Amino acid sequence: MSKKNKNLEKQVLVSQTEEKDQDDAVKQSSESVVPAKEEKKAAKEDKNAKNKKEKKPKEKKFRRKVRETVSELKKVSWPSFGEVCKKTGIVLSVVVIFGIVLFGLDVGLYYLFGLLT
């Protein structure tokens, strides 16, 4: 019995939704109909209006982003020229030291490979 009741409830719900859909279709068809040419013109005008509206906010967003970037760059604590030179020297010396170590390993492994052959 319970399966039959569930099936009946489903059928009632389906029929109710179909009736609502039909009522909506009738309401839409009863509304005033605009000729196709006028619809196209209205659609073009809407697109043009949207494009004009969209350009202005994009420009504003870009300007705001530039202002924010400049203000953040002002907050940065830039190192002095002396500090930059010292740190650059440290980096270059570490690179040279690692280069020498890798060159030494390469020459040593080449020598060992030569002994094997």
PDB file of N, CA and C in Angstrom:
ATOM      1  N   MET A   1       0.818  -1.190   0.000  1.00  0.00           N
ATOM      2  CA  MET A   1       0.000   0.000   0.000  1.00  0.00           C
ATOM      3  C   MET A   1       0.871   1.266   0.000  1.00  0.00           C
ATOM      4  N   SER A   2       1.948   1.230   0.719  1.00  0.00           N
ATOM      5  CA  SER A   2       2.756   2.432   0.830  1.00  0.00           C
ATOM      6  C   SER A   2       3.391   2.801  -0.523  1.00  0.00           C
ATOM      7  N   LYS A   3       3.756   1.791  -1.325  1.00  0.00           N
ATOM      8  CA  LYS A   3       4.345   2.070  -2.640  1.00  0.00           C
ATOM      9  C   LYS A   3       3.316   2.730  -3.547  1.00  0.00           C
ATOM     10  N   LYS A   4       2.092   2.259  -3.465  1.00  0.00           N
ATOM     11  CA  LYS A   4       1.037   2.839  -4.293  1.00  0.00           C
ATOM     12  C   LYS A   4       0.777   4.287  -3.891  1.00  0.00           C
ATOM     13  N   ASN A   5       0.782   4.553  -2.590  1.00  0.00           N
ATOM     14  CA  ASN A   5       0.552   5.912  -2.107  1.00  0.00           C
ATOM     15  C   ASN A   5       1.678   6.849  -2.576  1.00  0.00           C
ATOM     16  N   LYS A   6       2.913   6.351  -2.528  1.00  0.00           N
ATOM     17  CA  LYS A   6       4.048   7.161  -2.965  1.00  0.00           C
ATOM     18  C   LYS A   6       3.944   7.469  -4.451  1.00  0.00           C
ATOM     19  N   ASN A   7       3.560   6.468  -5.239  1.00  0.00           N
ATOM     20  CA  ASN A   7       3.409   6.666  -6.680  1.00  0.00           C
ATOM     21  C   ASN A   7       2.322   7.694  -6.979  1.00  0.00           C
ATOM     22  N   LEU A   8       1.212   7.609  -6.232  1.00  0.00           N
ATOM     23  CA  LEU A   8       0.132   8.564  -6.429  1.00  0.00           C
ATOM     24  C   LEU A   8       0.581   9.983  -6.072  1.00  0.00           C
ATOM     25  N   GLU A   9       1.329  10.109  -4.980  1.00  0.00           N
ATOM     26  CA  GLU A   9       1.825  11.416  -4.579  1.00  0.00           C
ATOM     27  C   GLU A   9       2.742  11.996  -5.646  1.00  0.00           C
ATOM     28  N   LYS A  10       3.602  11.159  -6.229  1.00  0.00           N
ATOM     29  CA  LYS A  10       4.494  11.617  -7.282  1.00  0.00           C
ATOM     30  C   LYS A  10       3.706  12.083  -8.495  1.00  0.00           C
ATOM     31  N   GLN A  11       2.666  11.329  -8.842  1.00  0.00           N
ATOM     32  CA  GLN A  11       1.855  11.705  -9.993  1.00  0.00           C
ATOM     33  C   GLN A  11       1.149  13.038  -9.750  1.00  0.00           C
ATOM     34  N   VAL A  12       0.688  13.248  -8.542  1.00  0.00           N
ATOM     35  CA  VAL A  12       0.005  14.494  -8.209  1.00  0.00           C
ATOM     36  C   VAL A  12       0.983  15.663  -8.302  1.00  0.00           C
ATOM     37  N   LEU A  13       2.194  15.465  -7.777  1.00  0.00           N
ATOM     38  CA  LEU A  13       3.193  16.519  -7.835  1.00  0.00           C
ATOM     39  C   LEU A  13       3.568  16.852  -9.276  1.00  0.00           C
ATOM     40  N   VAL A  14       3.717  15.846 -10.110  1.00  0.00           N
ATOM     41  CA  VAL A  14       4.053  16.061 -11.515  1.00  0.00           C
ATOM     42  C   VAL A  14       2.942  16.830 -12.206  1.00  0.00           C
ATOM     43  N   SER A  15       1.703  16.442 -11.962  1.00  0.00           N
ATOM     44  CA  SER A  15       0.585  17.124 -12.619  1.00  0.00           C
ATOM     45  C   SER A  15       0.489  18.580 -12.153  1.00  0.00           C
ATOM     46  N   GLN A  16       0.773  18.833 -10.877  1.00  0.00           N
ATOM     47  CA  GLN A  16       0.737  20.200 -10.372  1.00  0.00           C
ATOM     48  C   GLN A  16       1.814  21.062 -11.034  1.00  0.00           C
ATOM     49  N   THR A  17       3.003  20.511 -11.191  1.00  0.00           N
ATOM     50  CA  THR A  17       4.077  21.279 -11.821  1.00  0.00           C
ATOM     51  C   THR A  17       3.779  21.531 -13.293  1.00  0.00           C
ATOM     52  N   GLU A  18       3.140  20.561 -13.959  1.00  0.00           N
ATOM     53  CA  GLU A  18       2.772  20.755 -15.356  1.00  0.00           C
ATOM     54  C   GLU A  18       1.740  21.871 -15.486  1.00  0.00           C
ATOM     55  N   GLU A  19       0.786  21.919 -14.567  1.00  0.00           N
ATOM     56  CA  GLU A  19      -0.218  22.974 -14.596  1.00  0.00           C
ATOM     57  C   GLU A  19       0.423  24.346 -14.399  1.00  0.00           C
ATOM     58  N   LYS A  20       1.385  24.424 -13.490  1.00  0.00           N
ATOM     59  CA  LYS A  20       2.075  25.692 -13.252  1.00  0.00           C
ATOM     60  C   LYS A  20       2.834  26.123 -14.501  1.00  0.00           C
ATOM     61  N   ASP A  21       3.497  25.174 -15.160  1.00  0.00           N
ATOM     62  CA  ASP A  21       4.229  25.483 -16.382  1.00  0.00           C
ATOM     63  C   ASP A  21       3.292  25.995 -17.467  1.00  0.00           C
ATOM     64  N   GLN A  22       2.142  25.372 -17.585  1.00  0.00           N
ATOM     65  CA  GLN A  22       1.173  25.801 -18.590  1.00  0.00           C
ATOM     66  C   GLN A  22       0.661  27.211 -18.267  1.00  0.00           C
ATOM     67  N   ASP A  23       0.406  27.494 -16.991  1.00  0.00           N
ATOM     68  CA  ASP A  23      -0.052  28.821 -16.582  1.00  0.00           C
ATOM     69  C   ASP A  23       1.019  29.874 -16.912  1.00  0.00           C
ATOM     70  N   ASP A  24       2.285  29.544 -16.656  1.00  0.00           N
ATOM     71  CA  ASP A  24       3.366  30.475 -16.960  1.00  0.00           C
ATOM     72  C   ASP A  24       3.458  30.731 -18.460  1.00  0.00           C
ATOM     73  N   ALA A  25       3.285  29.690 -19.251  1.00  0.00           N
ATOM     74  CA  ALA A  25       3.347  29.836 -20.707  1.00  0.00           C
ATOM     75  C   ALA A  25       2.213  30.728 -21.196  1.00  0.00           C
ATOM     76  N   VAL A  26       1.034  30.577 -20.631  1.00  0.00           N
ATOM     77  CA  VAL A  26      -0.109  31.395 -21.026  1.00  0.00           C
ATOM     78  C   VAL A  26       0.142  32.851 -20.665  1.00  0.00           C
ATOM     79  N   LYS A  27       0.698  33.094 -19.480  1.00  0.00           N
ATOM     80  CA  LYS A  27       0.993  34.459 -19.059  1.00  0.00           C
ATOM     81  C   LYS A  27       2.005  35.111 -19.984  1.00  0.00           C
ATOM     82  N   GLN A  28       3.029  34.378 -20.362  1.00  0.00           N
ATOM     83  CA  GLN A  28       4.059  34.927 -21.232  1.00  0.00           C
ATOM     84  C   GLN A  28       3.515  35.221 -22.625  1.00  0.00           C
ATOM     85  N   SER A  29       2.657  34.348 -23.128  1.00  0.00           N
ATOM     86  CA  SER A  29       2.118  34.566 -24.466  1.00  0.00           C
ATOM     87  C   SER A  29       1.109  35.709 -24.478  1.00  0.00           C
ATOM     88  N   SER A  30       0.477  35.981 -23.360  1.00  0.00           N
ATOM     89  CA  SER A  30      -0.513  37.043 -23.306  1.00  0.00           C
ATOM     90  C   SER A  30       0.117  38.429 -23.180  1.00  0.00           C
ATOM     91  N   GLU A  31       1.423  38.495 -22.814  1.00  0.00           N
ATOM     92  CA  GLU A  31       2.104  39.770 -22.701  1.00  0.00           C
ATOM     93  C   GLU A  31       2.263  40.379 -24.084  1.00  0.00           C
ATOM     94  N   SER A  32       2.473  41.696 -24.112  1.00  0.00           N
ATOM     95  CA  SER A  32       2.598  42.379 -25.399  1.00  0.00           C
ATOM     96  C   SER A  32       3.826  41.875 -26.143  1.00  0.00           C
ATOM     97  N   VAL A  33       3.684  41.690 -27.436  1.00  0.00           N
ATOM     98  CA  VAL A  33       4.744  41.160 -28.273  1.00  0.00           C
ATOM     99  C   VAL A  33       5.419  42.314 -28.994  1.00  0.00           C
ATOM    100  N   VAL A  34       6.742  42.372 -28.905  1.00  0.00           N
ATOM    101  CA  VAL A  34       7.508  43.416 -29.570  1.00  0.00           C
ATOM    102  C   VAL A  34       7.982  42.856 -30.905  1.00  0.00           C
ATOM    103  N   PRO A  35       7.853  43.601 -31.983  1.00  0.00           N
ATOM    104  CA  PRO A  35       8.327  43.115 -33.275  1.00  0.00           C
ATOM    105  C   PRO A  35       9.816  42.784 -33.230  1.00  0.00           C
ATOM    106  N   ALA A  36      10.233  41.889 -34.119  1.00  0.00           N
ATOM    107  CA  ALA A  36      11.598  41.378 -34.108  1.00  0.00           C
ATOM    108  C   ALA A  36      12.623  42.482 -34.335  1.00  0.00           C
ATOM    109  N   LYS A  37      12.338  43.428 -35.235  1.00  0.00           N
ATOM    110  CA  LYS A  37      13.292  44.502 -35.502  1.00  0.00           C
ATOM    111  C   LYS A  37      13.513  45.354 -34.272  1.00  0.00           C
ATOM    112  N   GLU A  38      12.440  45.641 -33.565  1.00  0.00           N
ATOM    113  CA  GLU A  38      12.566  46.450 -32.355  1.00  0.00           C
ATOM    114  C   GLU A  38      13.348  45.711 -31.277  1.00  0.00           C
ATOM    115  N   GLU A  39      13.180  44.399 -31.210  1.00  0.00           N
ATOM    116  CA  GLU A  39      13.920  43.601 -30.240  1.00  0.00           C
ATOM    117  C   GLU A  39      15.416  43.669 -30.540  1.00  0.00           C
ATOM    118  N   LYS A  40      15.750  43.561 -31.845  1.00  0.00           N
ATOM    119  CA  LYS A  40      17.161  43.608 -32.226  1.00  0.00           C
ATOM    120  C   LYS A  40      17.769  44.956 -31.881  1.00  0.00           C
ATOM    121  N   LYS A  41      17.027  46.032 -32.161  1.00  0.00           N
ATOM    122  CA  LYS A  41      17.529  47.368 -31.849  1.00  0.00           C
ATOM    123  C   LYS A  41      17.728  47.529 -30.346  1.00  0.00           C
ATOM    124  N   ALA A  42      16.765  47.043 -29.583  1.00  0.00           N
ATOM    125  CA  ALA A  42      16.864  47.149 -28.128  1.00  0.00           C
ATOM    126  C   ALA A  42      18.062  46.349 -27.611  1.00  0.00           C
ATOM    127  N   ALA A  43      18.282  45.170 -28.202  1.00  0.00           N
ATOM    128  CA  ALA A  43      19.406  44.341 -27.777  1.00  0.00           C
ATOM    129  C   ALA A  43      20.731  45.037 -28.088  1.00  0.00           C
ATOM    130  N   LYS A  44      20.823  45.669 -29.282  1.00  0.00           N
ATOM    131  CA  LYS A  44      22.053  46.379 -29.647  1.00  0.00           C
ATOM    132  C   LYS A  44      22.297  47.555 -28.705  1.00  0.00           C
ATOM    133  N   GLU A  45      21.236  48.279 -28.394  1.00  0.00           N
ATOM    134  CA  GLU A  45      21.373  49.415 -27.490  1.00  0.00           C
ATOM    135  C   GLU A  45      21.816  48.955 -26.107  1.00  0.00           C
ATOM    136  N   ASP A  46      21.278  47.823 -25.647  1.00  0.00           N
ATOM    137  CA  ASP A  46      21.673  47.284 -24.350  1.00  0.00           C
ATOM    138  C   ASP A  46      23.154  46.915 -24.353  1.00  0.00           C
ATOM    139  N   LYS A  47      23.599  46.288 -25.447  1.00  0.00           N
ATOM    140  CA  LYS A  47      25.012  45.898 -25.534  1.00  0.00           C
ATOM    141  C   LYS A  47      25.902  47.128 -25.537  1.00  0.00           C
ATOM    142  N   ASN A  48      25.521  48.151 -26.312  1.00  0.00           N
ATOM    143  CA  ASN A  48      26.318  49.377 -26.361  1.00  0.00           C
ATOM    144  C   ASN A  48      26.373  50.046 -24.997  1.00  0.00           C
ATOM    145  N   ALA A  49      25.255  50.073 -24.320  1.00  0.00           N
ATOM    146  CA  ALA A  49      25.212  50.680 -22.992  1.00  0.00           C
ATOM    147  C   ALA A  49      26.092  49.894 -22.017  1.00  0.00           C
ATOM    148  N   LYS A  50      26.046  48.569 -22.093  1.00  0.00           N
ATOM    149  CA  LYS A  50      26.869  47.737 -21.211  1.00  0.00           C
ATOM    150  C   LYS A  50      28.339  47.968 -21.488  1.00  0.00           C
ATOM    151  N   ASN A  51      28.730  48.037 -22.783  1.00  0.00           N
ATOM    152  CA  ASN A  51      30.130  48.249 -23.129  1.00  0.00           C
ATOM    153  C   ASN A  51      30.628  49.588 -22.597  1.00  0.00           C
ATOM    154  N   LYS A  52      29.810  50.624 -22.716  1.00  0.00           N
ATOM    155  CA  LYS A  52      30.213  51.927 -22.213  1.00  0.00           C
ATOM    156  C   LYS A  52      30.345  51.907 -20.696  1.00  0.00           C
ATOM    157  N   LYS A  53      29.436  51.220 -20.031  1.00  0.00           N
ATOM    158  CA  LYS A  53      29.484  51.155 -18.580  1.00  0.00           C
ATOM    159  C   LYS A  53      30.680  50.337 -18.110  1.00  0.00           C
ATOM    160  N   GLU A  54      31.018  49.279 -18.854  1.00  0.00           N
ATOM    161  CA  GLU A  54      32.107  48.404 -18.439  1.00  0.00           C
ATOM    162  C   GLU A  54      33.463  49.085 -18.575  1.00  0.00           C
ATOM    163  N   LYS A  55      33.638  49.954 -19.560  1.00  0.00           N
ATOM    164  CA  LYS A  55      34.927  50.586 -19.781  1.00  0.00           C
ATOM    165  C   LYS A  55      35.289  51.511 -18.630  1.00  0.00           C
ATOM    166  N   LYS A  56      34.338  52.241 -18.132  1.00  0.00           N
ATOM    167  CA  LYS A  56      34.630  53.184 -17.064  1.00  0.00           C
ATOM    168  C   LYS A  56      35.106  52.500 -15.791  1.00  0.00           C
ATOM    169  N   PRO A  57      34.432  51.443 -15.327  1.00  0.00           N
ATOM    170  CA  PRO A  57      34.933  50.782 -14.118  1.00  0.00           C
ATOM    171  C   PRO A  57      36.309  50.153 -14.322  1.00  0.00           C
ATOM    172  N   LYS A  58      36.592  49.647 -15.547  1.00  0.00           N
ATOM    173  CA  LYS A  58      37.902  49.052 -15.779  1.00  0.00           C
ATOM    174  C   LYS A  58      38.989  50.110 -15.652  1.00  0.00           C
ATOM    175  N   GLU A  59      38.725  51.306 -16.204  1.00  0.00           N
ATOM    176  CA  GLU A  59      39.699  52.379 -16.090  1.00  0.00           C
ATOM    177  C   GLU A  59      39.884  52.769 -14.628  1.00  0.00           C
ATOM    178  N   LYS A  60      38.793  52.829 -13.895  1.00  0.00           N
ATOM    179  CA  LYS A  60      38.884  53.184 -12.486  1.00  0.00           C
ATOM    180  C   LYS A  60      39.651  52.121 -11.712  1.00  0.00           C
ATOM    181  N   LYS A  61      39.403  50.860 -12.043  1.00  0.00           N
ATOM    182  CA  LYS A  61      40.108  49.777 -11.362  1.00  0.00           C
ATOM    183  C   LYS A  61      41.606  49.860 -11.632  1.00  0.00           C
ATOM    184  N   PHE A  62      41.965  50.164 -12.886  1.00  0.00           N
ATOM    185  CA  PHE A  62      43.379  50.256 -13.244  1.00  0.00           C
ATOM    186  C   PHE A  62      44.051  51.401 -12.489  1.00  0.00           C
ATOM    187  N   ARG A  63      43.389  52.552 -12.470  1.00  0.00           N
ATOM    188  CA  ARG A  63      43.955  53.693 -11.753  1.00  0.00           C
ATOM    189  C   ARG A  63      44.103  53.403 -10.267  1.00  0.00           C
ATOM    190  N   ARG A  64      43.092  52.761  -9.693  1.00  0.00           N
ATOM    191  CA  ARG A  64      43.153  52.421  -8.270  1.00  0.00           C
ATOM    192  C   ARG A  64      44.304  51.453  -8.000  1.00  0.00           C
ATOM    193  N   LYS A  65      44.490  50.487  -8.903  1.00  0.00           N
ATOM    194  CA  LYS A  65      45.563  49.513  -8.739  1.00  0.00           C
ATOM    195  C   LYS A  65      46.925  50.196  -8.808  1.00  0.00           C
ATOM    196  N   VAL A  66      47.075  51.151  -9.728  1.00  0.00           N
ATOM    197  CA  VAL A  66      48.337  51.880  -9.840  1.00  0.00           C
ATOM    198  C   VAL A  66      48.594  52.678  -8.568  1.00  0.00           C
ATOM    199  N   ARG A  67      47.568  53.361  -8.066  1.00  0.00           N
ATOM    200  CA  ARG A  67      47.728  54.137  -6.835  1.00  0.00           C
ATOM    201  C   ARG A  67      48.123  53.240  -5.666  1.00  0.00           C
ATOM    202  N   GLU A  68      47.490  52.080  -5.558  1.00  0.00           N
ATOM    203  CA  GLU A  68      47.810  51.153  -4.471  1.00  0.00           C
ATOM    204  C   GLU A  68      49.244  50.647  -4.600  1.00  0.00           C
ATOM    205  N   THR A  69      49.671  50.370  -5.826  1.00  0.00           N
ATOM    206  CA  THR A  69      51.029  49.883  -6.046  1.00  0.00           C
ATOM    207  C   THR A  69      52.051  50.936  -5.650  1.00  0.00           C
ATOM    208  N   VAL A  70      51.816  52.170  -6.059  1.00  0.00           N
ATOM    209  CA  VAL A  70      52.736  53.252  -5.720  1.00  0.00           C
ATOM    210  C   VAL A  70      52.797  53.443  -4.207  1.00  0.00           C
ATOM    211  N   SER A  71      51.655  53.396  -3.549  1.00  0.00           N
ATOM    212  CA  SER A  71      51.655  53.584  -2.093  1.00  0.00           C
ATOM    213  C   SER A  71      52.387  52.436  -1.390  1.00  0.00           C
ATOM    214  N   GLU A  72      52.250  51.226  -1.900  1.00  0.00           N
ATOM    215  CA  GLU A  72      52.976  50.094  -1.297  1.00  0.00           C
ATOM    216  C   GLU A  72      54.477  50.218  -1.524  1.00  0.00           C
ATOM    217  N   LEU A  73      54.870  50.702  -2.712  1.00  0.00           N
ATOM    218  CA  LEU A  73      56.300  50.867  -2.984  1.00  0.00           C
ATOM    219  C   LEU A  73      56.910  51.946  -2.097  1.00  0.00           C
ATOM    220  N   LYS A  74      56.119  52.927  -1.684  1.00  0.00           N
ATOM    221  CA  LYS A  74      56.621  53.949  -0.775  1.00  0.00           C
ATOM    222  C   LYS A  74      56.877  53.371   0.616  1.00  0.00           C
ATOM    223  N   LYS A  75      56.147  52.326   0.978  1.00  0.00           N
ATOM    224  CA  LYS A  75      56.297  51.712   2.300  1.00  0.00           C
ATOM    225  C   LYS A  75      57.508  50.794   2.388  1.00  0.00           C
ATOM    226  N   VAL A  76      58.072  50.398   1.243  1.00  0.00           N
ATOM    227  CA  VAL A  76      59.199  49.461   1.216  1.00  0.00           C
ATOM    228  C   VAL A  76      60.433  50.145   1.786  1.00  0.00           C
ATOM    229  N   SER A  77      61.167  49.417   2.620  1.00  0.00           N
ATOM    230  CA  SER A  77      62.427  49.966   3.138  1.00  0.00           C
ATOM    231  C   SER A  77      63.538  49.513   2.194  1.00  0.00           C
ATOM    232  N   TRP A  78      63.976  50.430   1.353  1.00  0.00           N
ATOM    233  CA  TRP A  78      64.988  50.122   0.356  1.00  0.00           C
ATOM    234  C   TRP A  78      66.362  50.146   1.010  1.00  0.00           C
ATOM    235  N   PRO A  79      67.239  49.191   0.640  1.00  0.00           N
ATOM    236  CA  PRO A  79      68.583  49.179   1.230  1.00  0.00           C
ATOM    237  C   PRO A  79      69.441  50.308   0.647  1.00  0.00           C
ATOM    238  N   SER A  80      70.459  50.677   1.403  1.00  0.00           N
ATOM    239  CA  SER A  80      71.373  51.713   0.917  1.00  0.00           C
ATOM    240  C   SER A  80      72.301  51.099  -0.130  1.00  0.00           C
ATOM    241  N   PHE A  81      73.024  51.964  -0.827  1.00  0.00           N
ATOM    242  CA  PHE A  81      73.922  51.487  -1.875  1.00  0.00           C
ATOM    243  C   PHE A  81      75.022  50.606  -1.286  1.00  0.00           C
ATOM    244  N   GLY A  82      75.508  50.949  -0.119  1.00  0.00           N
ATOM    245  CA  GLY A  82      76.549  50.156   0.542  1.00  0.00           C
ATOM    246  C   GLY A  82      76.067  48.746   0.878  1.00  0.00           C
ATOM    247  N   GLU A  83      74.830  48.660   1.395  1.00  0.00           N
ATOM    248  CA  GLU A  83      74.281  47.340   1.717  1.00  0.00           C
ATOM    249  C   GLU A  83      74.122  46.489   0.457  1.00  0.00           C
ATOM    250  N   VAL A  84      73.694  47.112  -0.618  1.00  0.00           N
ATOM    251  CA  VAL A  84      73.518  46.380  -1.875  1.00  0.00           C
ATOM    252  C   VAL A  84      74.857  45.844  -2.356  1.00  0.00           C
ATOM    253  N   CYS A  85      75.894  46.660  -2.290  1.00  0.00           N
ATOM    254  CA  CYS A  85      77.224  46.228  -2.738  1.00  0.00           C
ATOM    255  C   CYS A  85      77.747  45.069  -1.878  1.00  0.00           C
ATOM    256  N   LYS A  86      77.553  45.157  -0.559  1.00  0.00           N
ATOM    257  CA  LYS A  86      78.016  44.082   0.330  1.00  0.00           C
ATOM    258  C   LYS A  86      77.304  42.768   0.024  1.00  0.00           C
ATOM    259  N   LYS A  87      75.994  42.834  -0.106  1.00  0.00           N
ATOM    260  CA  LYS A  87      75.223  41.607  -0.355  1.00  0.00           C
ATOM    261  C   LYS A  87      75.510  41.036  -1.735  1.00  0.00           C
ATOM    262  N   THR A  88      75.751  41.892  -2.704  1.00  0.00           N
ATOM    263  CA  THR A  88      76.110  41.418  -4.042  1.00  0.00           C
ATOM    264  C   THR A  88      77.459  40.720  -4.000  1.00  0.00           C
ATOM    265  N   GLY A  89      78.383  41.284  -3.245  1.00  0.00           N
ATOM    266  CA  GLY A  89      79.700  40.655  -3.098  1.00  0.00           C
ATOM    267  C   GLY A  89      79.595  39.284  -2.446  1.00  0.00           C
ATOM    268  N   ILE A  90      78.745  39.161  -1.448  1.00  0.00           N
ATOM    269  CA  ILE A  90      78.551  37.870  -0.780  1.00  0.00           C
ATOM    270  C   ILE A  90      78.006  36.841  -1.764  1.00  0.00           C
ATOM    271  N   VAL A  91      77.010  37.224  -2.537  1.00  0.00           N
ATOM    272  CA  VAL A  91      76.406  36.300  -3.499  1.00  0.00           C
ATOM    273  C   VAL A  91      77.432  35.867  -4.533  1.00  0.00           C
ATOM    274  N   LEU A  92      78.187  36.808  -5.064  1.00  0.00           N
ATOM    275  CA  LEU A  92      79.187  36.460  -6.079  1.00  0.00           C
ATOM    276  C   LEU A  92      80.268  35.543  -5.514  1.00  0.00           C
ATOM    277  N   SER A  93      80.693  35.802  -4.282  1.00  0.00           N
ATOM    278  CA  SER A  93      81.730  34.950  -3.684  1.00  0.00           C
ATOM    279  C   SER A  93      81.204  33.534  -3.450  1.00  0.00           C
ATOM    280  N   VAL A  94      79.965  33.382  -3.009  1.00  0.00           N
ATOM    281  CA  VAL A  94      79.394  32.044  -2.809  1.00  0.00           C
ATOM    282  C   VAL A  94      79.287  31.307  -4.146  1.00  0.00           C
ATOM    283  N   VAL A  95      78.896  32.007  -5.187  1.00  0.00           N
ATOM    284  CA  VAL A  95      78.788  31.391  -6.511  1.00  0.00           C
ATOM    285  C   VAL A  95      80.164  30.921  -6.987  1.00  0.00           C
ATOM    286  N   VAL A  96      81.183  31.750  -6.796  1.00  0.00           N
ATOM    287  CA  VAL A  96      82.541  31.387  -7.224  1.00  0.00           C
ATOM    288  C   VAL A  96      83.032  30.165  -6.430  1.00  0.00           C
ATOM    289  N   ILE A  97      82.792  30.162  -5.117  1.00  0.00           N
ATOM    290  CA  ILE A  97      83.238  29.035  -4.285  1.00  0.00           C
ATOM    291  C   ILE A  97      82.559  27.740  -4.736  1.00  0.00           C
ATOM    292  N   PHE A  98      81.244  27.770  -4.953  1.00  0.00           N
ATOM    293  CA  PHE A  98      80.557  26.563  -5.400  1.00  0.00           C
ATOM    294  C   PHE A  98      81.022  26.159  -6.793  1.00  0.00           C
ATOM    295  N   GLY A  99      81.331  27.126  -7.628  1.00  0.00           N
ATOM    296  CA  GLY A  99      81.851  26.813  -8.963  1.00  0.00           C
ATOM    297  C   GLY A  99      83.171  26.072  -8.877  1.00  0.00           C
ATOM    298  N   ILE A 100      84.057  26.530  -7.978  1.00  0.00           N
ATOM    299  CA  ILE A 100      85.358  25.864  -7.802  1.00  0.00           C
ATOM    300  C   ILE A 100      85.167  24.452  -7.269  1.00  0.00           C
ATOM    301  N   VAL A 101      84.266  24.277  -6.289  1.00  0.00           N
ATOM    302  CA  VAL A 101      84.004  22.949  -5.728  1.00  0.00           C
ATOM    303  C   VAL A 101      83.468  22.010  -6.802  1.00  0.00           C
ATOM    304  N   LEU A 102      82.497  22.463  -7.581  1.00  0.00           N
ATOM    305  CA  LEU A 102      81.940  21.613  -8.639  1.00  0.00           C
ATOM    306  C   LEU A 102      82.980  21.304  -9.714  1.00  0.00           C
ATOM    307  N   PHE A 103      83.826  22.288 -10.044  1.00  0.00           N
ATOM    308  CA  PHE A 103      84.889  22.046 -11.023  1.00  0.00           C
ATOM    309  C   PHE A 103      85.849  20.987 -10.493  1.00  0.00           C
ATOM    310  N   GLY A 104      86.175  21.083  -9.195  1.00  0.00           N
ATOM    311  CA  GLY A 104      87.071  20.086  -8.588  1.00  0.00           C
ATOM    312  C   GLY A 104      86.462  18.695  -8.628  1.00  0.00           C
ATOM    313  N   LEU A 105      85.178  18.569  -8.306  1.00  0.00           N
ATOM    314  CA  LEU A 105      84.508  17.262  -8.378  1.00  0.00           C
ATOM    315  C   LEU A 105      84.502  16.727  -9.803  1.00  0.00           C
ATOM    316  N   ASP A 106      84.263  17.590 -10.765  1.00  0.00           N
ATOM    317  CA  ASP A 106      84.225  17.183 -12.163  1.00  0.00           C
ATOM    318  C   ASP A 106      85.593  16.657 -12.603  1.00  0.00           C
ATOM    319  N   VAL A 107      86.650  17.387 -12.262  1.00  0.00           N
ATOM    320  CA  VAL A 107      88.006  16.967 -12.651  1.00  0.00           C
ATOM    321  C   VAL A 107      88.368  15.666 -11.944  1.00  0.00           C
ATOM    322  N   GLY A 108      88.009  15.555 -10.668  1.00  0.00           N
ATOM    323  CA  GLY A 108      88.313  14.330  -9.926  1.00  0.00           C
ATOM    324  C   GLY A 108      87.588  13.126 -10.493  1.00  0.00           C
ATOM    325  N   LEU A 109      86.307  13.265 -10.814  1.00  0.00           N
ATOM    326  CA  LEU A 109      85.559  12.139 -11.382  1.00  0.00           C
ATOM    327  C   LEU A 109      86.065  11.798 -12.782  1.00  0.00           C
ATOM    328  N   TYR A 110      86.485  12.816 -13.542  1.00  0.00           N
ATOM    329  CA  TYR A 110      87.042  12.562 -14.878  1.00  0.00           C
ATOM    330  C   TYR A 110      88.339  11.745 -14.751  1.00  0.00           C
ATOM    331  N   TYR A 111      89.162  12.101 -13.771  1.00  0.00           N
ATOM    332  CA  TYR A 111      90.413  11.393 -13.540  1.00  0.00           C
ATOM    333  C   TYR A 111      90.128   9.935 -13.157  1.00  0.00           C
ATOM    334  N   LEU A 112      89.142   9.712 -12.237  1.00  0.00           N
ATOM    335  CA  LEU A 112      88.772   8.346 -11.829  1.00  0.00           C
ATOM    336  C   LEU A 112      88.232   7.551 -13.004  1.00  0.00           C
ATOM    337  N   PHE A 113      87.430   8.178 -13.854  1.00  0.00           N
ATOM    338  CA  PHE A 113      86.868   7.506 -15.014  1.00  0.00           C
ATOM    339  C   PHE A 113      87.995   7.129 -15.973  1.00  0.00           C
ATOM    340  N   GLY A 114      89.011   7.988 -16.068  1.00  0.00           N
ATOM    341  CA  GLY A 114      90.169   7.689 -16.926  1.00  0.00           C
ATOM    342  C   GLY A 114      90.937   6.490 -16.411  1.00  0.00           C
ATOM    343  N   LEU A 115      91.033   6.300 -15.090  1.00  0.00           N
ATOM    344  CA  LEU A 115      91.725   5.145 -14.527  1.00  0.00           C
ATOM    345  C   LEU A 115      90.975   3.842 -14.830  1.00  0.00           C
ATOM    346  N   LEU A 116      89.625   3.918 -14.895  1.00  0.00           N
ATOM    347  CA  LEU A 116      88.840   2.714 -15.157  1.00  0.00           C
ATOM    348  C   LEU A 116      88.962   2.262 -16.599  1.00  0.00           C
ATOM    349  N   THR A 117      89.190   3.159 -17.509  1.00  0.00           N
ATOM    350  CA  THR A 117      89.243   2.770 -18.930  1.00  0.00           C
ATOM    351  C   THR A 117      90.614   2.541 -19.448  1.00  0.00           C
TER     352      THR A 117
END
